[in-house]
PDB file of N, CA and C in Angstrom:
ATOM      1  N   MET A   1      63.472 -38.123  32.939  1.00  0.00           N
ATOM      2  CA  MET A   1      63.132 -38.084  34.211  1.00  0.00           C
ATOM      3  C   MET A   1      63.907 -36.472  35.176  1.00  0.00           C
ATOM      4  N   ARG A   2      62.959 -36.270  35.738  1.00  0.00           N
ATOM      5  CA  ARG A   2      64.271 -34.502  36.357  1.00  0.00           C
ATOM      6  C   ARG A   2      64.795 -34.939  38.340  1.00  0.00           C
ATOM      7  N   TYR A   3      63.072 -35.790  38.579  1.00  0.00           N
ATOM      8  CA  TYR A   3      62.939 -35.584  40.227  1.00  0.00           C
ATOM      9  C   TYR A   3      63.201 -37.069  40.814  1.00  0.00           C
ATOM     10  N   ASP A   4      62.921 -37.882  40.312  1.00  0.00           N
ATOM     11  CA  ASP A   4      62.748 -39.528  40.776  1.00  0.00           C
ATOM     12  C   ASP A   4      63.309 -40.500  39.575  1.00  0.00           C
ATOM     13  N   SER A   5      64.402 -41.050  40.205  1.00  0.00           N
ATOM     14  CA  SER A   5      64.759 -42.016  39.251  1.00  0.00           C
ATOM     15  C   SER A   5      64.210 -42.836  39.462  1.00  0.00           C
ATOM     16  N   ASP A   6      63.094 -43.445  40.655  1.00  0.00           N
ATOM     17  CA  ASP A   6      62.505 -44.843  41.033  1.00  0.00           C
ATOM     18  C   ASP A   6      61.312 -44.869  40.635  1.00  0.00           C
ATOM     19  N   ILE A   7      60.616 -43.566  39.927  1.00  0.00           N
ATOM     20  CA  ILE A   7      59.037 -43.658  39.482  1.00  0.00           C
ATOM     21  C   ILE A   7      59.047 -44.309  38.198  1.00  0.00           C
ATOM     22  N   ASP A   8      58.013 -45.210  38.402  1.00  0.00           N
ATOM     23  CA  ASP A   8      57.722 -46.117  36.986  1.00  0.00           C
ATOM     24  C   ASP A   8      57.365 -45.405  35.674  1.00  0.00           C
ATOM     25  N   PRO A   9      57.733 -45.120  34.488  1.00  0.00           N
ATOM     26  CA  PRO A   9      56.631 -44.785  33.884  1.00  0.00           C
ATOM     27  C   PRO A   9      55.437 -45.501  33.676  1.00  0.00           C
ATOM     28  N   CYS A  10      54.378 -44.320  33.678  1.00  0.00           N
ATOM     29  CA  CYS A  10      53.137 -45.012  33.460  1.00  0.00           C
ATOM     30  C   CYS A  10      51.969 -44.228  33.046  1.00  0.00           C
ATOM     31  N   CYS A  11      51.270 -44.340  32.749  1.00  0.00           N
ATOM     32  CA  CYS A  11      49.968 -43.202  32.320  1.00  0.00           C
ATOM     33  C   CYS A  11      49.702 -42.159  33.736  1.00  0.00           C
ATOM     34  N   ARG A  12      49.474 -42.597  35.150  1.00  0.00           N
ATOM     35  CA  ARG A  12      49.367 -41.566  35.891  1.00  0.00           C
ATOM     36  C   ARG A  12      50.006 -40.636  36.303  1.00  0.00           C
ATOM     37  N   PHE A  13      51.345 -40.489  35.879  1.00  0.00           N
ATOM     38  CA  PHE A  13      52.494 -39.659  35.736  1.00  0.00           C
ATOM     39  C   PHE A  13      52.668 -38.343  34.175  1.00  0.00           C
ATOM     40  N   CYS A  14      51.843 -39.155  33.545  1.00  0.00           N
ATOM     41  CA  CYS A  14      52.175 -38.579  31.919  1.00  0.00           C
ATOM     42  C   CYS A  14      51.365 -37.722  31.660  1.00  0.00           C
ATOM     43  N   ALA A  15      51.774 -36.563  30.935  1.00  0.00           N
ATOM     44  CA  ALA A  15      51.523 -35.014  30.522  1.00  0.00           C
ATOM     45  C   ALA A  15      50.404 -35.162  29.917  1.00  0.00           C
ATOM     46  N   HIS A  16      50.214 -36.734  28.979  1.00  0.00           N
ATOM     47  CA  HIS A  16      49.190 -36.870  28.057  1.00  0.00           C
ATOM     48  C   HIS A  16      47.788 -37.271  28.630  1.00  0.00           C
ATOM     49  N   CYS A  17      47.941 -37.750  29.836  1.00  0.00           N
ATOM     50  CA  CYS A  17      46.726 -38.468  30.565  1.00  0.00           C
ATOM     51  C   CYS A  17      45.695 -37.508  31.369  1.00  0.00           C
ATOM     52  N   HIS A  18      44.624 -37.645  31.568  1.00  0.00           N
ATOM     53  CA  HIS A  18      43.666 -36.967  32.570  1.00  0.00           C
ATOM     54  C   HIS A  18      43.271 -38.231  33.341  1.00  0.00           C
ATOM     55  N   GLN A  19      43.348 -38.766  34.524  1.00  0.00           N
ATOM     56  CA  GLN A  19      42.443 -39.479  35.272  1.00  0.00           C
ATOM     57  C   GLN A  19      41.044 -38.892  35.917  1.00  0.00           C
ATOM     58  N   ILE A  20      40.297 -40.082  34.940  1.00  0.00           N
ATOM     59  CA  ILE A  20      38.924 -40.220  35.250  1.00  0.00           C
ATOM     60  C   ILE A  20      38.124 -40.763  36.151  1.00  0.00           C
ATOM     61  N   ASP A  21      39.331 -41.782  36.791  1.00  0.00           N
ATOM     62  CA  ASP A  21      38.563 -42.686  38.134  1.00  0.00           C
ATOM     63  C   ASP A  21      39.683 -43.477  38.567  1.00  0.00           C
ATOM     64  N   GLU A  22      39.992 -44.448  39.546  1.00  0.00           N
ATOM     65  CA  GLU A  22      40.882 -44.686  40.172  1.00  0.00           C
ATOM     66  C   GLU A  22      41.895 -45.112  39.184  1.00  0.00           C
ATOM     67  N   THR A  23      40.804 -46.334  38.542  1.00  0.00           N
ATOM     68  CA  THR A  23      41.938 -47.438  37.501  1.00  0.00           C
ATOM     69  C   THR A  23      41.816 -46.737  36.422  1.00  0.00           C
ATOM     70  N   GLU A  24      41.615 -45.725  35.291  1.00  0.00           N
ATOM     71  CA  GLU A  24      41.315 -45.377  34.026  1.00  0.00           C
ATOM     72  C   GLU A  24      41.680 -43.743  34.240  1.00  0.00           C
ATOM     73  N   ALA A  25      42.599 -43.527  32.766  1.00  0.00           N
ATOM     74  CA  ALA A  25      42.688 -42.191  32.282  1.00  0.00           C
ATOM     75  C   ALA A  25      42.152 -41.944  31.085  1.00  0.00           C
ATOM     76  N   VAL A  26      42.083 -40.839  30.475  1.00  0.00           N
ATOM     77  CA  VAL A  26      41.855 -40.960  29.158  1.00  0.00           C
ATOM     78  C   VAL A  26      43.224 -40.157  28.535  1.00  0.00           C
ATOM     79  N   CYS A  27      44.139 -40.850  27.618  1.00  0.00           N
ATOM     80  CA  CYS A  27      44.921 -40.318  27.001  1.00  0.00           C
ATOM     81  C   CYS A  27      44.911 -39.675  25.428  1.00  0.00           C
ATOM     82  N   LYS A  28      45.402 -38.581  25.415  1.00  0.00           N
ATOM     83  CA  LYS A  28      45.002 -37.587  24.023  1.00  0.00           C
ATOM     84  C   LYS A  28      45.934 -38.137  22.996  1.00  0.00           C
ATOM     85  N   LYS A  29      46.686 -39.374  23.374  1.00  0.00           N
ATOM     86  CA  LYS A  29      47.372 -39.876  22.306  1.00  0.00           C
ATOM     87  C   LYS A  29      46.432 -40.939  21.586  1.00  0.00           C
ATOM     88  N   ARG A  30      45.736 -42.323  23.050  1.00  0.00           N
ATOM     89  CA  ARG A  30      45.503 -43.192  22.674  1.00  0.00           C
ATOM     90  C   ARG A  30      43.763 -43.701  23.326  1.00  0.00           C
ATOM     91  N   GLY A  31      43.300 -42.699  24.146  1.00  0.00           N
ATOM     92  CA  GLY A  31      41.585 -42.864  24.562  1.00  0.00           C
ATOM     93  C   GLY A  31      41.811 -43.310  25.574  1.00  0.00           C
ATOM     94  N   VAL A  32      40.979 -43.865  25.939  1.00  0.00           N
ATOM     95  CA  VAL A  32      40.906 -44.673  27.473  1.00  0.00           C
ATOM     96  C   VAL A  32      41.777 -45.547  27.601  1.00  0.00           C
ATOM     97  N   VAL A  33      42.806 -45.303  28.613  1.00  0.00           N
ATOM     98  CA  VAL A  33      43.805 -46.346  29.012  1.00  0.00           C
ATOM     99  C   VAL A  33      43.893 -46.416  30.751  1.00  0.00           C
ATOM    100  N   SER A  34      44.066 -47.930  31.217  1.00  0.00           N
ATOM    101  CA  SER A  34      44.791 -48.319  32.362  1.00  0.00           C
ATOM    102  C   SER A  34      45.838 -47.123  32.565  1.00  0.00           C
ATOM    103  N   LEU A  35      45.783 -46.675  34.098  1.00  0.00           N
ATOM    104  CA  LEU A  35      46.760 -45.605  34.939  1.00  0.00           C
ATOM    105  C   LEU A  35      48.115 -46.632  35.334  1.00  0.00           C
ATOM    106  N   ASP A  36      48.138 -47.767  34.655  1.00  0.00           N
ATOM    107  CA  ASP A  36      49.631 -48.983  34.645  1.00  0.00           C
ATOM    108  C   ASP A  36      50.181 -48.900  33.652  1.00  0.00           C
ATOM    109  N   GLN A  37      49.271 -48.401  32.557  1.00  0.00           N
ATOM    110  CA  GLN A  37      50.135 -48.597  31.123  1.00  0.00           C
ATOM    111  C   GLN A  37      50.658 -47.546  30.679  1.00  0.00           C
ATOM    112  N   LYS A  38      51.620 -48.084  30.086  1.00  0.00           N
ATOM    113  CA  LYS A  38      52.758 -47.131  29.481  1.00  0.00           C
ATOM    114  C   LYS A  38      52.967 -46.985  27.914  1.00  0.00           C
ATOM    115  N   CYS A  39      53.115 -46.389  27.358  1.00  0.00           N
ATOM    116  CA  CYS A  39      53.317 -45.742  26.093  1.00  0.00           C
ATOM    117  C   CYS A  39      54.519 -45.254  25.535  1.00  0.00           C
ATOM    118  N   PHE A  40      55.322 -45.367  24.654  1.00  0.00           N
ATOM    119  CA  PHE A  40      56.417 -45.216  24.170  1.00  0.00           C
ATOM    120  C   PHE A  40      56.166 -43.317  23.805  1.00  0.00           C
ATOM    121  N   ARG A  41      54.877 -42.659  23.909  1.00  0.00           N
ATOM    122  CA  ARG A  41      54.791 -41.588  24.366  1.00  0.00           C
ATOM    123  C   ARG A  41      54.962 -40.456  25.415  1.00  0.00           C
ATOM    124  N   TYR A  42      55.063 -41.678  26.236  1.00  0.00           N
ATOM    125  CA  TYR A  42      54.930 -41.228  27.809  1.00  0.00           C
ATOM    126  C   TYR A  42      55.887 -39.759  28.151  1.00  0.00           C
ATOM    127  N   LEU A  43      55.387 -38.435  28.518  1.00  0.00           N
ATOM    128  CA  LEU A  43      56.209 -37.886  28.832  1.00  0.00           C
ATOM    129  C   LEU A  43      56.269 -37.614  30.231  1.00  0.00           C
ATOM    130  N   TYR A  44      57.043 -37.505  31.367  1.00  0.00           N
ATOM    131  CA  TYR A  44      56.592 -37.321  33.166  1.00  0.00           C
ATOM    132  C   TYR A  44      56.108 -36.047  32.637  1.00  0.00           C
ATOM    133  N   ASP A  45      55.123 -35.877  33.916  1.00  0.00           N
ATOM    134  CA  ASP A  45      54.488 -34.652  34.610  1.00  0.00           C
ATOM    135  C   ASP A  45      54.661 -34.508  36.130  1.00  0.00           C
ATOM    136  N   PRO A  46      55.654 -34.135  36.342  1.00  0.00           N
ATOM    137  CA  PRO A  46      56.006 -33.979  38.244  1.00  0.00           C
ATOM    138  C   PRO A  46      54.507 -33.294  38.512  1.00  0.00           C
ATOM    139  N   THR A  47      53.993 -32.408  38.108  1.00  0.00           N
ATOM    140  CA  THR A  47      52.812 -31.999  39.182  1.00  0.00           C
ATOM    141  C   THR A  47      51.742 -32.921  38.978  1.00  0.00           C
ATOM    142  N   LYS A  48      51.592 -34.278  38.671  1.00  0.00           N
ATOM    143  CA  LYS A  48      51.439 -35.164  39.332  1.00  0.00           C
ATOM    144  C   LYS A  48      51.465 -36.283  39.934  1.00  0.00           C
ATOM    145  N   ARG A  49      52.286 -35.762  40.344  1.00  0.00           N
ATOM    146  CA  ARG A  49      52.746 -37.285  41.468  1.00  0.00           C
ATOM    147  C   ARG A  49      52.908 -36.670  42.574  1.00  0.00           C
ATOM    148  N   LEU A  50      52.241 -37.372  43.805  1.00  0.00           N
ATOM    149  CA  LEU A  50      52.044 -36.896  44.731  1.00  0.00           C
ATOM    150  C   LEU A  50      53.349 -37.067  45.992  1.00  0.00           C
ATOM    151  N   PRO A  51      53.821 -36.068  46.401  1.00  0.00           N
ATOM    152  CA  PRO A  51      55.052 -36.475  46.967  1.00  0.00           C
ATOM    153  C   PRO A  51      54.677 -37.352  48.289  1.00  0.00           C
ATOM    154  N   ALA A  52      55.903 -38.204  48.869  1.00  0.00           N
ATOM    155  CA  ALA A  52      55.191 -39.179  50.077  1.00  0.00           C
ATOM    156  C   ALA A  52      55.298 -38.026  51.221  1.00  0.00           C
ATOM    157  N   GLN A  53      54.401 -39.067  52.293  1.00  0.00           N
ATOM    158  CA  GLN A  53      53.910 -37.910  53.388  1.00  0.00           C
ATOM    159  C   GLN A  53      54.966 -37.888  54.373  1.00  0.00           C
ATOM    160  N   PRO A  54      55.821 -36.721  55.120  1.00  0.00           N
ATOM    161  CA  PRO A  54      56.253 -36.377  55.791  1.00  0.00           C
ATOM    162  C   PRO A  54      56.131 -37.033  57.051  1.00  0.00           C
ATOM    163  N   GLY A  55      57.045 -37.494  58.348  1.00  0.00           N
ATOM    164  CA  GLY A  55      57.169 -38.405  59.097  1.00  0.00           C
ATOM    165  C   GLY A  55      56.350 -36.786  60.131  1.00  0.00           C
ATOM    166  N   TYR A  56      55.885 -37.869  61.297  1.00  0.00           N
ATOM    167  CA  TYR A  56      55.279 -37.143  61.974  1.00  0.00           C
ATOM    168  C   TYR A  56      56.248 -37.473  63.372  1.00  0.00           C
ATOM    169  N   LEU A  57      55.810 -36.132  64.607  1.00  0.00           N
ATOM    170  CA  LEU A  57      56.077 -36.304  65.711  1.00  0.00           C
ATOM    171  C   LEU A  57      55.129 -37.260  66.187  1.00  0.00           C
ATOM    172  N   HIS A  58      55.681 -38.261  67.317  1.00  0.00           N
ATOM    173  CA  HIS A  58      54.761 -38.767  67.957  1.00  0.00           C
ATOM    174  C   HIS A  58      55.121 -38.016  69.535  1.00  0.00           C
ATOM    175  N   ARG A  59      53.539 -38.006  69.919  1.00  0.00           N
ATOM    176  CA  ARG A  59      53.555 -37.375  71.473  1.00  0.00           C
ATOM    177  C   ARG A  59      54.105 -38.165  72.240  1.00  0.00           C
ATOM    178  N   GLY A  60      55.138 -37.609  73.455  1.00  0.00           N
ATOM    179  CA  GLY A  60      56.129 -38.452  74.377  1.00  0.00           C
ATOM    180  C   GLY A  60      57.482 -38.760  74.076  1.00  0.00           C
ATOM    181  N   THR A  61      57.586 -38.316  72.859  1.00  0.00           N
ATOM    182  CA  THR A  61      59.252 -38.497  72.592  1.00  0.00           C
ATOM    183  C   THR A  61      59.795 -37.479  73.280  1.00  0.00           C
ATOM    184  N   PHE A  62      59.680 -36.587  72.767  1.00  0.00           N
ATOM    185  CA  PHE A  62      60.736 -35.206  73.462  1.00  0.00           C
ATOM    186  C   PHE A  62      59.679 -34.519  74.592  1.00  0.00           C
ATOM    187  N   SER A  63      60.713 -34.129  75.594  1.00  0.00           N
ATOM    188  CA  SER A  63      59.979 -33.229  77.063  1.00  0.00           C
ATOM    189  C   SER A  63      60.118 -32.260  76.860  1.00  0.00           C
ATOM    190  N   ALA A  64      59.928 -31.411  77.793  1.00  0.00           N
ATOM    191  CA  ALA A  64      60.386 -29.909  77.497  1.00  0.00           C
ATOM    192  C   ALA A  64      61.792 -29.520  78.133  1.00  0.00           C
ATOM    193  N   GLU A  65      62.344 -29.889  78.679  1.00  0.00           N
ATOM    194  CA  GLU A  65      63.967 -30.143  78.658  1.00  0.00           C
ATOM    195  C   GLU A  65      64.387 -30.004  77.018  1.00  0.00           C
ATOM    196  N   ASP A  66      64.163 -31.128  76.136  1.00  0.00           N
ATOM    197  CA  ASP A  66      64.368 -30.658  74.767  1.00  0.00           C
ATOM    198  C   ASP A  66      64.369 -29.481  74.288  1.00  0.00           C
ATOM    199  N   PHE A  67      63.246 -29.009  74.222  1.00  0.00           N
ATOM    200  CA  PHE A  67      63.352 -26.996  73.885  1.00  0.00           C
ATOM    201  C   PHE A  67      63.300 -26.482  74.488  1.00  0.00           C
ATOM    202  N   SER A  68      64.076 -26.398  76.011  1.00  0.00           N
ATOM    203  CA  SER A  68      64.320 -25.288  76.560  1.00  0.00           C
ATOM    204  C   SER A  68      65.856 -24.448  76.119  1.00  0.00           C
ATOM    205  N   ILE A  69      66.267 -23.346  76.091  1.00  0.00           N
ATOM    206  CA  ILE A  69      67.631 -23.069  75.988  1.00  0.00           C
ATOM    207  C   ILE A  69      67.766 -22.239  77.845  1.00  0.00           C
ATOM    208  N   ASP A  70      69.085 -23.169  77.969  1.00  0.00           N
ATOM    209  CA  ASP A  70      70.052 -22.946  79.494  1.00  0.00           C
ATOM    210  C   ASP A  70      70.676 -22.070  79.139  1.00  0.00           C
ATOM    211  N   PRO A  71      70.779 -20.913  79.969  1.00  0.00           N
ATOM    212  CA  PRO A  71      71.661 -19.711  79.705  1.00  0.00           C
ATOM    213  C   PRO A  71      72.841 -20.131  80.019  1.00  0.00           C
ATOM    214  N   GLU A  72      74.120 -20.196  79.526  1.00  0.00           N
ATOM    215  CA  GLU A  72      76.066 -20.699  79.797  1.00  0.00           C
ATOM    216  C   GLU A  72      75.977 -19.382  81.071  1.00  0.00           C
ATOM    217  N   SER A  73      76.541 -19.603  82.077  1.00  0.00           N
ATOM    218  CA  SER A  73      77.167 -18.445  82.711  1.00  0.00           C
ATOM    219  C   SER A  73      78.875 -18.461  83.050  1.00  0.00           C
TER     220      SER A  73
END
Protein backbone atom coordinates (compact mmCIF):
# COMPACT_ATOMS: atom_id res chain seq x y z
CA MET A 1 0.00 0.00 0.00
CA ARG A 2 1.30 3.35 -0.92
CA TYR A 3 -0.90 5.96 0.74
CA ASP A 4 -2.06 5.00 4.24
CA SER A 5 -0.62 2.10 6.14
CA ASP A 6 -3.52 2.13 8.62
CA ILE A 7 -6.09 1.06 5.98
CA ASP A 8 -7.25 -2.49 6.60
CA PRO A 9 -7.22 -4.64 3.47
CA CYS A 10 -10.86 -5.34 2.61
CA CYS A 11 -13.07 -5.57 -0.47
CA ARG A 12 -14.22 -1.98 0.07
CA PHE A 13 -10.86 -0.73 -1.26
CA CYS A 14 -10.01 -3.55 -3.69
CA ALA A 15 -9.54 -2.91 -7.40
CA HIS A 16 -11.37 -6.15 -8.26
CA CYS A 17 -14.63 -5.19 -6.46
CA HIS A 18 -17.52 -2.92 -7.38
CA GLN A 19 -19.88 -1.89 -4.59
CA ILE A 20 -23.58 -2.72 -5.18
CA ASP A 21 -25.03 -1.53 -1.85
CA GLU A 22 -23.93 -0.55 1.68
CA THR A 23 -22.81 -4.06 2.67
CA GLU A 24 -22.06 -6.02 -0.51
CA ALA A 25 -19.86 -5.83 -3.59
CA VAL A 26 -19.33 -7.83 -6.77
CA CYS A 27 -15.81 -9.18 -7.07
CA LYS A 28 -14.34 -10.17 -10.45
CA LYS A 29 -12.59 -13.08 -8.76
CA ARG A 30 -15.07 -14.32 -6.11
CA GLY A 31 -18.58 -13.09 -7.02
CA VAL A 32 -20.83 -11.39 -4.47
CA VAL A 33 -18.88 -10.65 -1.27
CA SER A 34 -19.18 -8.58 1.89
CA LEU A 35 -17.37 -5.22 1.84
CA ASP A 36 -15.48 -6.17 5.01
CA GLN A 37 -14.20 -9.44 3.57
CA LYS A 38 -10.72 -9.86 2.12
CA CYS A 39 -8.84 -12.49 0.11
CA PHE A 40 -5.31 -13.11 -1.13
CA ARG A 41 -6.09 -11.36 -4.44
CA TYR A 42 -6.58 -8.01 -2.70
CA LEU A 43 -5.24 -5.10 -4.75
CA TYR A 44 -5.50 -1.65 -3.17
CA ASP A 45 -7.25 0.99 -5.28
CA PRO A 46 -6.66 4.48 -3.80
CA THR A 47 -9.54 6.01 -5.80
CA LYS A 48 -12.09 4.03 -3.74
CA ARG A 49 -10.97 5.50 -0.42
CA LEU A 50 -12.79 8.57 0.83
CA PRO A 51 -10.36 11.02 2.45
CA ALA A 52 -10.96 12.24 5.98
CA GLN A 53 -13.16 15.30 6.28
CA PRO A 54 -11.17 18.51 6.80
CA GLY A 55 -11.56 20.47 9.99
CA TYR A 56 -13.76 23.52 9.77
CA LEU A 57 -13.33 26.91 11.34
CA HIS A 58 -15.92 27.73 13.95
CA ARG A 59 -17.51 31.15 13.98
CA GLY A 60 -16.30 33.34 16.79
CA THR A 61 -12.88 31.72 16.93
CA PHE A 62 -11.15 34.60 15.14
CA SER A 63 -11.63 38.34 15.32
CA ALA A 64 -11.19 41.01 12.64
CA GLU A 65 -7.80 41.90 14.16
CA ASP A 66 -6.53 38.41 13.33
CA PHE A 67 -6.98 39.15 9.63
CA SER A 68 -5.71 42.72 9.51
CA ILE A 69 -2.22 43.78 8.50
CA ASP A 70 -0.78 46.60 10.54
CA PRO A 71 1.73 48.71 8.62
CA GLU A 72 4.93 49.07 10.58
CA SER A 73 6.36 52.58 10.67
